[in-house]
Amino acid sequence: MDKNDMPHKSELLLPAGSLVKLKTALLYGADAVYAGTPDMSLRTQSQFSLDELEEGIAEVHKAGKKIYLTLNLYIHNEEAEKLPQFVETLRRLKPDGVLVADPGVFYYLKENAPELNRFVSTQANICSAQTVKFWQAMGARLCVLGREVTFKEMAEIRRQCPDVALECFVHGAMCMSYSGRCLISNFLTDRSANKGKCAHCCRWHYKLHIRMKDGTVRELVINDENRNNFEYLLEEDFRPGEYYEVVEDEHGSYLLNSKDMCLMPRLNELLEIGMDSLKVEGRNKTEYYAGVVARAYRQAIDDYYANPREWNGEKYMPELMTLQNRGYCLGFHDGKLTNISQNYEYTRTLGEWLFAGSIIEWQGDEAIFELRNYINGGEFIEFLLPGGLENRRLVLTEFEDAESGEITPRVSAGQGKKIRIRPNQWGEDVAKIKKMLPQYTIARKSQALKGENAEMYARKQAEWTELCQK
């Protein structure tokens, strides 16, 4: 596609689970953020107070960016009683859009707050042009497509629905239920996924047990002696002769554990068809996650628009690989999922880098660095420069407590632990450093994976490379 023929520029949308995460996302290139308060949304773990939310909205608008608030739960009668008061709060806050899933809530907003832009949440499971047309006729300004939509379907929806904004997910965790509408957590923990309280039961460690003839239940232990003696297979009534293997090893069994979505290798396709908003999942992730993902996708998007013919997604993957992850997959983008999209071996996240901390403020020429991990004297930390993919490394041989002034050869995170970095420790002009590393700049430290973790990480990397080359 010729550069002059390209549609308008797609928006990069990041989650903002707290005021710090919001400001970090903006610093590293987000065009817009989405946030919510604990009440009346799927963000019950939101760290925003109402005052902080007001401050965040002002900060976003001052930067010329956008913020969308969530009202996307499916309401019961008790929530319906709170709706008038909550909507009045939304009218006062004046967000750039409100994400809604419940048709009753959508209608209430239409009747009682018509000035608010109504967006349809992914919880509404929009998977076709017909459904987009329905919501558009109801007054929706934007529709978030379900993660189940393939790129082929997405392109057709875009063709049939040119006059409504479309949004899709490009990065983040995948849900084994239908766009997050899941009852497993309700059954096992009495925590509703549909109210933002999911216990992530699909990622739990499950063990095989057998019931003996006398009624006792025993764990079926898989060990070196019996590992190769038998296999466990499922057969479904209407598919006789088709056997599905149930696997457990010394780590347990993770039958429902999806890898994380990463559409960076296919980002050019989404930009070419003119998707209006590219959404990153991760409302409960750290500000480090928000900064790294925003920076990588910001650079990738800008590079595409500057030179679409020469664009290559491989350039940006090393940055995304610095995040702790379960292994990456393409979700449903290419169509039918394969075994490469599942992680049957472990549920923990792995990565060769850790969140070291962030610069929370500058006191004159002294940086106040809040720790999020331990740091040893002589170990380098790497600051991520906003506005590109370059980094700045710093080695400290000792650490000064920002409050007590105590000097130690090693520091650990905890209870808002902060250190003071003095001008002479940078090794160059501090005025240049302050411009390079503004407030909310994040930093990381390397972590050597060993033994089994290193083997698993290498295998997931190889599977990802194989997937992207197909």
Protein backbone atom coordinates (compact mmCIF):
# COMPACT_ATOMS: atom_id res chain seq x y z
CA MET A 1 0.00 0.00 0.00
CA ASP A 2 1.28 3.47 -0.89
CA LYS A 3 1.88 5.67 2.15
CA ASN A 4 -0.48 8.36 0.83
CA ASP A 5 -3.30 5.83 0.34
CA MET A 6 -3.30 4.55 3.92
CA PRO A 7 -6.35 5.11 6.14
CA HIS A 8 -6.20 7.27 9.24
CA LYS A 9 -3.72 6.28 11.91
CA SER A 10 -4.70 3.55 14.34
CA GLU A 11 -4.87 4.33 18.04
CA LEU A 12 -2.69 2.50 20.58
CA LEU A 13 -4.84 1.77 23.66
CA LEU A 14 -3.25 0.74 26.97
CA PRO A 15 -4.78 -0.38 30.29
CA ALA A 16 -4.52 1.94 33.29
CA GLY A 17 -5.14 0.02 36.51
CA SER A 18 -3.81 2.88 38.63
CA LEU A 19 -2.77 6.51 38.31
CA VAL A 20 0.92 5.54 38.06
CA LYS A 21 0.19 3.00 35.32
CA LEU A 22 -1.84 5.61 33.46
CA LYS A 23 1.00 8.12 33.53
CA THR A 24 3.54 5.46 32.56
CA ALA A 25 1.45 4.37 29.58
CA LEU A 26 1.21 7.97 28.38
CA LEU A 27 4.94 8.53 28.82
CA TYR A 28 5.77 5.51 26.67
CA GLY A 29 3.46 6.33 23.78
CA ALA A 30 -0.15 5.33 24.40
CA ASP A 31 -2.68 7.35 22.40
CA ALA A 32 -5.42 6.42 24.82
CA VAL A 33 -5.98 4.49 28.05
CA TYR A 34 -8.92 2.65 29.54
CA ALA A 35 -9.68 2.56 33.23
CA GLY A 36 -12.41 1.88 35.72
CA THR A 37 -13.44 2.24 39.33
CA PRO A 38 -14.07 -0.83 41.52
CA ASP A 39 -17.83 -0.36 41.34
CA MET A 40 -19.99 -1.06 38.28
CA SER A 41 -17.27 -2.44 36.01
CA LEU A 42 -15.11 -5.49 35.40
CA ARG A 43 -12.28 -3.75 37.21
CA THR A 44 -13.01 -4.68 40.80
CA GLN A 45 -9.26 -4.69 41.47
CA SER A 46 -8.84 -1.16 40.15
CA GLN A 47 -6.50 0.92 42.31
CA PHE A 48 -8.18 4.20 41.37
CA SER A 49 -9.97 6.38 43.87
CA LEU A 50 -12.45 8.86 42.43
CA ASP A 51 -10.05 11.75 43.09
CA GLU A 52 -7.23 9.91 41.33
CA LEU A 53 -9.52 9.15 38.42
CA GLU A 54 -10.34 12.84 38.07
CA GLU A 55 -6.62 13.66 38.18
CA GLY A 56 -5.93 10.96 35.58
CA ILE A 57 -8.58 12.29 33.20
CA ALA A 58 -7.15 15.79 33.51
CA GLU A 59 -3.65 14.44 32.87
CA VAL A 60 -4.78 12.54 29.78
CA HIS A 61 -6.62 15.49 28.28
CA LYS A 62 -3.73 17.84 29.05
CA ALA A 63 -1.53 15.53 26.98
CA GLY A 64 -4.03 15.61 24.11
CA LYS A 65 -4.82 11.91 24.58
CA LYS A 66 -8.06 10.04 25.33
CA ILE A 67 -9.43 8.01 28.23
CA TYR A 68 -12.27 5.51 28.24
CA LEU A 69 -14.05 4.35 31.39
CA THR A 70 -15.69 0.99 31.94
CA LEU A 71 -19.30 0.24 32.76
CA ASN A 72 -19.10 -3.21 31.23
CA LEU A 73 -20.54 -5.67 33.72
CA TYR A 74 -23.80 -7.53 33.18
CA ILE A 75 -25.97 -6.00 35.87
CA HIS A 76 -28.18 -7.70 38.44
CA ASN A 77 -30.97 -5.83 40.21
CA GLU A 78 -28.66 -4.58 42.95
CA GLU A 79 -26.35 -2.97 40.38
CA ALA A 80 -29.31 -1.50 38.49
CA GLU A 81 -30.23 0.45 41.62
CA LYS A 82 -26.77 2.08 41.62
CA LEU A 83 -26.84 2.94 37.93
CA PRO A 84 -28.35 6.47 38.13
CA GLN A 85 -25.77 7.69 40.63
CA PHE A 86 -22.88 6.08 38.73
CA VAL A 87 -23.99 7.58 35.42
CA GLU A 88 -24.19 11.02 37.00
CA THR A 89 -20.56 10.55 38.08
CA LEU A 90 -19.61 9.64 34.51
CA ARG A 91 -21.33 12.75 33.20
CA ARG A 92 -19.30 14.86 35.59
CA LEU A 93 -16.00 13.14 34.73
CA LYS A 94 -16.54 13.55 30.97
CA PRO A 95 -14.48 10.60 29.65
CA ASP A 96 -13.98 10.24 25.91
CA GLY A 97 -16.02 7.05 25.86
CA VAL A 98 -17.80 4.54 28.10
CA LEU A 99 -17.38 0.79 27.53
CA VAL A 100 -20.66 -1.10 27.94
CA ALA A 101 -21.68 -4.74 27.49
CA ASP A 102 -25.19 -5.02 28.92
CA PRO A 103 -27.93 -3.87 26.48
CA GLY A 104 -29.97 -2.53 29.41
CA VAL A 105 -27.06 -0.36 30.55
CA PHE A 106 -26.46 0.77 26.98
CA TYR A 107 -30.12 1.84 26.68
CA TYR A 108 -30.01 3.64 30.04
CA LEU A 109 -26.97 5.64 28.90
CA LYS A 110 -28.66 6.45 25.62
CA GLU A 111 -31.73 7.80 27.42
CA ASN A 112 -30.06 9.52 30.38
CA ALA A 113 -26.58 10.53 29.21
CA PRO A 114 -26.80 10.89 25.43
CA GLU A 115 -23.73 13.15 25.34
CA LEU A 116 -21.45 10.27 26.39
CA ASN A 117 -19.87 8.22 23.61
CA ARG A 118 -21.09 4.65 23.98
CA PHE A 119 -18.58 1.91 23.15
CA VAL A 120 -19.48 -1.79 23.12
CA SER A 121 -17.15 -3.91 25.24
CA THR A 122 -15.52 -7.19 24.23
CA GLN A 123 -17.85 -8.79 26.83
CA ALA A 124 -20.66 -8.36 24.30
CA ASN A 125 -18.94 -10.98 22.08
CA ILE A 126 -19.07 -9.12 18.77
CA CYS A 127 -17.90 -11.56 16.11
CA SER A 128 -19.72 -10.52 12.93
CA ALA A 129 -20.57 -7.55 10.75
CA GLN A 130 -24.24 -8.16 11.46
CA THR A 131 -23.69 -7.64 15.19
CA VAL A 132 -21.61 -4.51 14.58
CA LYS A 133 -24.44 -3.11 12.42
CA PHE A 134 -26.93 -3.81 15.21
CA TRP A 135 -24.92 -1.91 17.81
CA GLN A 136 -24.21 0.90 15.35
CA ALA A 137 -27.95 1.27 14.76
CA MET A 138 -28.41 1.48 18.54
CA GLY A 139 -25.99 4.40 18.67
CA ALA A 140 -22.61 2.78 19.37
CA ARG A 141 -19.61 4.86 18.31
CA LEU A 142 -17.12 1.98 18.65
CA CYS A 143 -17.31 -1.82 18.82
CA VAL A 144 -14.63 -3.98 20.41
CA LEU A 145 -14.33 -7.22 18.47
CA GLY A 146 -14.10 -10.49 20.37
CA ARG A 147 -10.74 -12.25 20.62
CA GLU A 148 -12.36 -15.14 18.73
CA VAL A 149 -12.53 -13.12 15.50
CA THR A 150 -9.97 -14.16 12.89
CA PHE A 151 -8.17 -11.64 10.71
CA LYS A 152 -10.12 -12.80 7.66
CA GLU A 153 -13.37 -12.13 9.52
CA MET A 154 -12.04 -8.83 10.84
CA ALA A 155 -11.21 -7.61 7.34
CA GLU A 156 -14.71 -8.49 6.16
CA ILE A 157 -16.29 -6.69 9.13
CA ARG A 158 -14.17 -3.63 8.34
CA ARG A 159 -15.31 -3.76 4.69
CA GLN A 160 -18.99 -4.05 5.60
CA CYS A 161 -18.87 -1.52 8.45
CA PRO A 162 -16.74 1.42 7.25
CA ASP A 163 -18.57 4.10 9.27
CA VAL A 164 -18.16 2.82 12.82
CA ALA A 165 -14.94 2.62 14.83
CA LEU A 166 -13.57 -0.90 15.39
CA GLU A 167 -11.22 -2.06 18.11
CA CYS A 168 -9.33 -5.33 18.51
CA PHE A 169 -6.91 -6.87 21.01
CA VAL A 170 -3.26 -7.10 19.99
CA HIS A 171 -1.48 -8.16 23.17
CA GLY A 172 -2.14 -9.78 26.55
CA ALA A 173 -3.54 -12.81 28.31
CA MET A 174 -6.05 -15.08 26.62
CA CYS A 175 -9.14 -16.46 28.35
CA MET A 176 -10.20 -20.08 27.92
CA SER A 177 -13.86 -19.11 28.15
CA TYR A 178 -15.78 -17.04 25.61
CA SER A 179 -14.34 -13.53 25.85
CA GLY A 180 -14.09 -13.85 29.60
CA ARG A 181 -17.69 -14.88 30.25
CA CYS A 182 -16.75 -17.78 32.49
CA LEU A 183 -18.38 -19.64 35.40
CA ILE A 184 -15.42 -21.78 36.51
CA SER A 185 -14.25 -19.20 39.02
CA ASN A 186 -17.79 -18.84 40.37
CA PHE A 187 -18.11 -22.56 40.98
CA LEU A 188 -14.70 -23.10 42.56
CA THR A 189 -14.11 -19.88 44.51
CA ASP A 190 -17.35 -17.86 44.49
CA ARG A 191 -15.49 -15.13 42.61
CA SER A 192 -17.30 -13.93 39.50
CA ALA A 193 -15.18 -13.51 36.38
CA ASN A 194 -18.03 -11.43 34.97
CA LYS A 195 -17.51 -8.91 37.77
CA GLY A 196 -13.75 -8.74 37.41
CA LYS A 197 -12.94 -11.12 40.27
CA CYS A 198 -11.66 -14.10 38.26
CA ALA A 199 -9.46 -16.48 40.29
CA HIS A 200 -7.86 -17.78 37.06
CA CYS A 201 -8.77 -21.39 37.83
CA CYS A 202 -7.80 -22.32 34.28
CA ARG A 203 -4.15 -21.73 35.22
CA TRP A 204 -4.18 -23.72 38.46
CA HIS A 205 -2.04 -26.78 39.08
CA TYR A 206 -4.24 -29.91 38.90
CA LYS A 207 -3.27 -33.43 39.95
CA LEU A 208 -4.69 -36.79 38.92
CA HIS A 209 -6.41 -38.90 41.61
CA ILE A 210 -8.06 -42.31 41.58
CA ARG A 211 -10.90 -43.66 43.70
CA MET A 212 -10.28 -47.10 45.13
CA LYS A 213 -12.93 -49.83 45.45
CA ASP A 214 -13.16 -49.16 49.19
CA GLY A 215 -14.05 -45.48 48.51
CA THR A 216 -10.71 -43.95 49.44
CA VAL A 217 -9.17 -41.40 47.10
CA ARG A 218 -5.46 -41.44 46.38
CA GLU A 219 -3.21 -39.22 44.33
CA LEU A 220 -1.95 -40.96 41.23
CA VAL A 221 1.76 -40.22 41.34
CA ILE A 222 3.64 -40.17 38.05
CA ASN A 223 7.30 -41.06 38.59
CA ASP A 224 10.28 -42.46 36.72
CA GLU A 225 9.22 -46.05 37.47
CA ASN A 226 5.67 -45.87 36.04
CA ARG A 227 5.89 -42.93 33.63
CA ASN A 228 6.12 -45.10 30.50
CA ASN A 229 3.72 -47.84 31.60
CA PHE A 230 0.47 -46.21 30.53
CA GLU A 231 -1.27 -43.16 29.08
CA TYR A 232 -4.59 -41.51 29.96
CA LEU A 233 -7.02 -40.99 27.11
CA LEU A 234 -10.49 -39.45 26.82
CA GLU A 235 -13.08 -40.72 24.36
CA GLU A 236 -16.21 -38.72 23.54
CA ASP A 237 -19.51 -40.59 22.96
CA PHE A 238 -20.08 -39.37 19.42
CA ARG A 239 -16.46 -39.74 18.30
CA PRO A 240 -15.68 -43.38 18.94
CA GLY A 241 -12.08 -44.27 18.25
CA GLU A 242 -10.85 -40.68 18.68
CA TYR A 243 -8.69 -40.47 21.79
CA TYR A 244 -7.62 -37.28 23.52
CA GLU A 245 -4.53 -37.58 25.67
CA VAL A 246 -4.60 -36.27 29.25
CA VAL A 247 -1.05 -35.40 30.22
CA GLU A 248 0.51 -34.94 33.63
CA ASP A 249 4.18 -34.83 34.50
CA GLU A 250 6.12 -33.90 37.61
CA HIS A 251 4.86 -30.30 37.26
CA GLY A 252 1.19 -31.27 37.22
CA SER A 253 -1.39 -30.84 34.49
CA TYR A 254 -2.38 -27.54 32.88
CA LEU A 255 -5.22 -28.48 30.55
CA LEU A 256 -6.72 -24.99 30.18
CA ASN A 257 -3.62 -22.77 30.23
CA SER A 258 -3.37 -20.59 27.14
CA LYS A 259 -0.24 -18.76 26.11
CA ASP A 260 -0.37 -14.96 25.94
CA MET A 261 -1.53 -13.21 22.79
CA CYS A 262 1.01 -11.21 20.78
CA LEU A 263 0.01 -9.90 17.35
CA MET A 264 3.18 -7.91 16.73
CA PRO A 265 4.16 -10.20 13.80
CA ARG A 266 0.75 -9.48 12.20
CA LEU A 267 0.45 -5.82 13.23
CA ASN A 268 0.94 -4.57 9.68
CA GLU A 269 -2.18 -6.45 8.58
CA LEU A 270 -4.31 -4.71 11.21
CA LEU A 271 -2.89 -1.33 10.29
CA GLU A 272 -3.43 -1.92 6.59
CA ILE A 273 -7.18 -2.57 6.94
CA GLY A 274 -7.56 0.48 9.16
CA MET A 275 -8.46 -0.87 12.59
CA ASP A 276 -9.28 2.22 14.63
CA SER A 277 -8.00 1.06 18.01
CA LEU A 278 -5.38 -1.55 18.96
CA LYS A 279 -5.98 -2.72 22.52
CA VAL A 280 -3.52 -4.14 25.03
CA GLU A 281 -4.89 -6.34 27.82
CA GLY A 282 -3.43 -6.13 31.31
CA ARG A 283 -5.42 -4.09 33.82
CA ASN A 284 -3.76 -5.90 36.75
CA LYS A 285 -0.23 -5.89 35.32
CA THR A 286 2.58 -3.59 36.52
CA GLU A 287 3.58 -0.21 35.17
CA TYR A 288 6.65 -1.99 33.77
CA TYR A 289 4.36 -4.11 31.60
CA ALA A 290 2.45 -1.01 30.46
CA GLY A 291 5.66 0.85 29.61
CA VAL A 292 7.39 -1.98 27.74
CA VAL A 293 4.34 -2.91 25.66
CA ALA A 294 3.44 0.69 24.90
CA ARG A 295 7.00 1.51 23.83
CA ALA A 296 7.33 -1.50 21.52
CA TYR A 297 3.96 -1.08 19.79
CA ARG A 298 4.35 2.71 19.58
CA GLN A 299 7.63 2.33 17.71
CA ALA A 300 6.22 -0.44 15.52
CA ILE A 301 3.15 1.59 14.56
CA ASP A 302 5.16 4.73 13.80
CA ASP A 303 7.68 2.78 11.73
CA TYR A 304 4.89 1.17 9.72
CA TYR A 305 3.32 4.50 8.79
CA ALA A 306 6.74 5.92 7.93
CA ASN A 307 7.66 3.03 5.62
CA PRO A 308 5.04 0.27 5.31
CA ARG A 309 6.88 -1.63 2.57
CA GLU A 310 9.99 -2.20 4.68
CA TRP A 311 8.20 -2.93 7.95
CA ASN A 312 9.20 -6.14 9.79
CA GLY A 313 7.72 -7.16 13.13
CA GLU A 314 10.81 -9.14 14.16
CA LYS A 315 12.55 -5.86 15.04
CA TYR A 316 10.26 -5.28 18.03
CA MET A 317 9.92 -8.80 19.43
CA PRO A 318 13.15 -8.73 21.52
CA GLU A 319 11.62 -5.89 23.54
CA LEU A 320 8.38 -7.80 24.16
CA MET A 321 10.40 -10.87 25.10
CA THR A 322 11.85 -8.95 28.05
CA LEU A 323 8.44 -9.27 29.72
CA GLN A 324 7.63 -12.24 31.93
CA ASN A 325 5.22 -14.31 29.82
CA ARG A 326 3.66 -17.76 29.44
CA GLY A 327 4.91 -18.03 25.90
CA TYR A 328 3.29 -16.13 23.02
CA CYS A 329 0.68 -17.15 20.47
CA LEU A 330 -1.29 -15.40 17.71
CA GLY A 331 -4.65 -16.08 19.30
CA PHE A 332 -7.30 -16.69 16.63
CA HIS A 333 -5.73 -14.24 14.17
CA ASP A 334 -4.65 -16.86 11.62
CA GLY A 335 -7.73 -19.03 12.15
CA LYS A 336 -7.87 -22.38 13.91
CA LEU A 337 -5.63 -22.66 16.95
CA THR A 338 -2.94 -25.32 17.19
CA ASN A 339 -1.24 -27.02 20.13
CA ILE A 340 1.41 -24.29 19.95
CA SER A 341 -1.16 -21.87 21.36
CA GLN A 342 -1.47 -23.86 24.61
CA ASN A 343 1.03 -24.21 27.41
CA TYR A 344 0.48 -27.66 28.89
CA GLU A 345 3.74 -27.71 30.86
CA TYR A 346 3.57 -24.86 33.37
CA THR A 347 1.47 -21.87 34.35
CA ARG A 348 4.14 -19.54 35.69
CA THR A 349 5.50 -16.69 33.64
CA LEU A 350 9.14 -16.78 32.57
CA GLY A 351 11.55 -14.19 31.26
CA GLU A 352 15.17 -13.11 31.34
CA TRP A 353 14.42 -9.66 32.79
CA LEU A 354 12.78 -8.39 35.99
CA PHE A 355 11.14 -5.07 36.84
CA ALA A 356 13.82 -3.23 38.85
CA GLY A 357 11.82 -0.11 39.66
CA SER A 358 11.04 3.39 38.43
CA ILE A 359 11.96 7.02 38.91
CA ILE A 360 9.02 8.33 40.90
CA GLU A 361 10.33 11.90 41.16
CA TRP A 362 13.29 14.22 40.75
CA GLN A 363 14.25 16.24 43.81
CA GLY A 364 16.38 18.90 42.21
CA ASP A 365 19.19 16.95 40.50
CA GLU A 366 18.63 13.81 42.59
CA ALA A 367 16.51 10.94 41.28
CA ILE A 368 14.25 9.07 43.71
CA PHE A 369 14.07 5.49 42.50
CA GLU A 370 11.39 3.18 43.91
CA LEU A 371 12.52 -0.44 44.00
CA ARG A 372 10.45 -3.32 42.69
CA ASN A 373 13.17 -5.97 42.99
CA TYR A 374 16.46 -6.59 44.77
CA ILE A 375 19.64 -5.05 43.32
CA ASN A 376 23.20 -6.05 44.21
CA GLY A 377 26.09 -3.64 44.20
CA GLY A 378 27.91 -3.79 40.84
CA GLU A 379 24.82 -5.12 39.04
CA PHE A 380 23.56 -3.01 36.16
CA ILE A 381 20.02 -1.72 35.86
CA GLU A 382 18.67 -0.65 32.48
CA PHE A 383 16.45 2.42 32.12
CA LEU A 384 13.99 2.34 29.20
CA LEU A 385 14.09 5.65 27.36
CA PRO A 386 10.68 6.95 26.21
CA GLY A 387 10.32 7.80 22.54
CA GLY A 388 12.24 4.91 21.01
CA LEU A 389 13.80 1.56 21.82
CA GLU A 390 17.09 2.79 23.27
CA ASN A 391 18.14 2.15 26.87
CA ARG A 392 20.54 3.66 29.37
CA ARG A 393 22.43 1.40 31.79
CA LEU A 394 23.61 2.36 35.26
CA VAL A 395 25.82 0.45 37.68
CA LEU A 396 25.65 1.36 41.38
CA THR A 397 28.20 -0.05 43.81
CA GLU A 398 26.26 1.11 46.87
CA PHE A 399 22.79 2.35 47.64
CA GLU A 400 21.52 5.29 49.68
CA ASP A 401 18.14 4.98 51.35
CA ALA A 402 16.07 7.95 50.16
CA GLU A 403 14.60 8.57 53.61
CA SER A 404 17.18 7.49 56.20
CA GLY A 405 20.36 8.09 54.20
CA GLU A 406 21.66 4.65 55.20
CA ILE A 407 24.27 3.24 52.79
CA THR A 408 24.13 -0.48 51.95
CA PRO A 409 25.83 -2.78 49.38
CA ARG A 410 22.52 -4.41 48.42
CA VAL A 411 18.87 -3.34 48.44
CA SER A 412 15.57 -5.18 48.35
CA ALA A 413 12.09 -3.99 47.46
CA GLY A 414 9.22 -3.78 49.89
CA GLN A 415 6.89 -1.23 51.51
CA GLY A 416 7.69 1.50 49.03
CA LYS A 417 11.47 1.20 49.48
CA LYS A 418 13.28 4.02 47.66
CA ILE A 419 16.89 4.91 46.97
CA ARG A 420 18.45 8.24 46.10
CA ILE A 421 20.62 8.48 42.98
CA ARG A 422 22.92 11.48 43.18
CA PRO A 423 24.17 13.51 40.16
CA ASN A 424 27.75 12.18 40.27
CA GLN A 425 26.56 8.56 40.05
CA TRP A 426 25.32 8.94 36.46
CA GLY A 427 28.76 9.60 34.99
CA GLU A 428 27.47 12.37 32.71
CA ASP A 429 25.69 15.72 32.82
CA VAL A 430 22.65 15.40 35.06
CA ALA A 431 20.65 17.95 33.03
CA LYS A 432 20.90 15.59 30.07
CA ILE A 433 19.91 12.64 32.27
CA LYS A 434 16.83 14.44 33.63
CA LYS A 435 15.63 15.14 30.10
CA MET A 436 16.39 11.58 29.05
CA LEU A 437 14.76 9.94 32.10
CA PRO A 438 11.68 11.91 33.19
CA GLN A 439 9.41 11.03 36.08
CA TYR A 440 7.84 7.54 35.72
CA THR A 441 10.73 6.16 33.65
CA ILE A 442 10.93 2.42 34.33
CA ALA A 443 14.01 0.22 34.69
CA ARG A 444 14.77 -3.49 34.54
CA LYS A 445 17.52 -5.91 35.56
CA SER A 446 18.64 -9.13 33.95
CA GLN A 447 17.78 -12.52 35.39
CA ALA A 448 19.59 -15.68 34.39
CA LEU A 449 17.19 -18.58 33.86
CA LYS A 450 18.66 -21.88 34.97
CA GLY A 451 18.05 -25.57 34.48
CA GLU A 452 14.48 -26.53 33.76
CA ASN A 453 13.27 -22.93 33.49
CA ALA A 454 15.93 -22.16 30.88
CA GLU A 455 14.98 -25.24 28.87
CA MET A 456 11.27 -24.40 28.97
CA TYR A 457 11.90 -20.77 28.00
CA ALA A 458 14.08 -21.78 25.06
CA ARG A 459 11.47 -24.26 23.86
CA LYS A 460 8.67 -21.67 23.99
CA GLN A 461 10.87 -19.24 22.07
CA ALA A 462 11.46 -21.87 19.38
CA GLU A 463 7.72 -22.67 19.16
CA TRP A 464 6.93 -18.98 18.78
CA THR A 465 9.47 -18.58 15.97
CA GLU A 466 8.01 -21.61 14.21
CA LEU A 467 4.47 -20.25 14.56
CA CYS A 468 5.34 -16.83 13.15
CA GLN A 469 7.10 -18.32 10.13
CA LYS A 470 4.07 -20.30 9.00
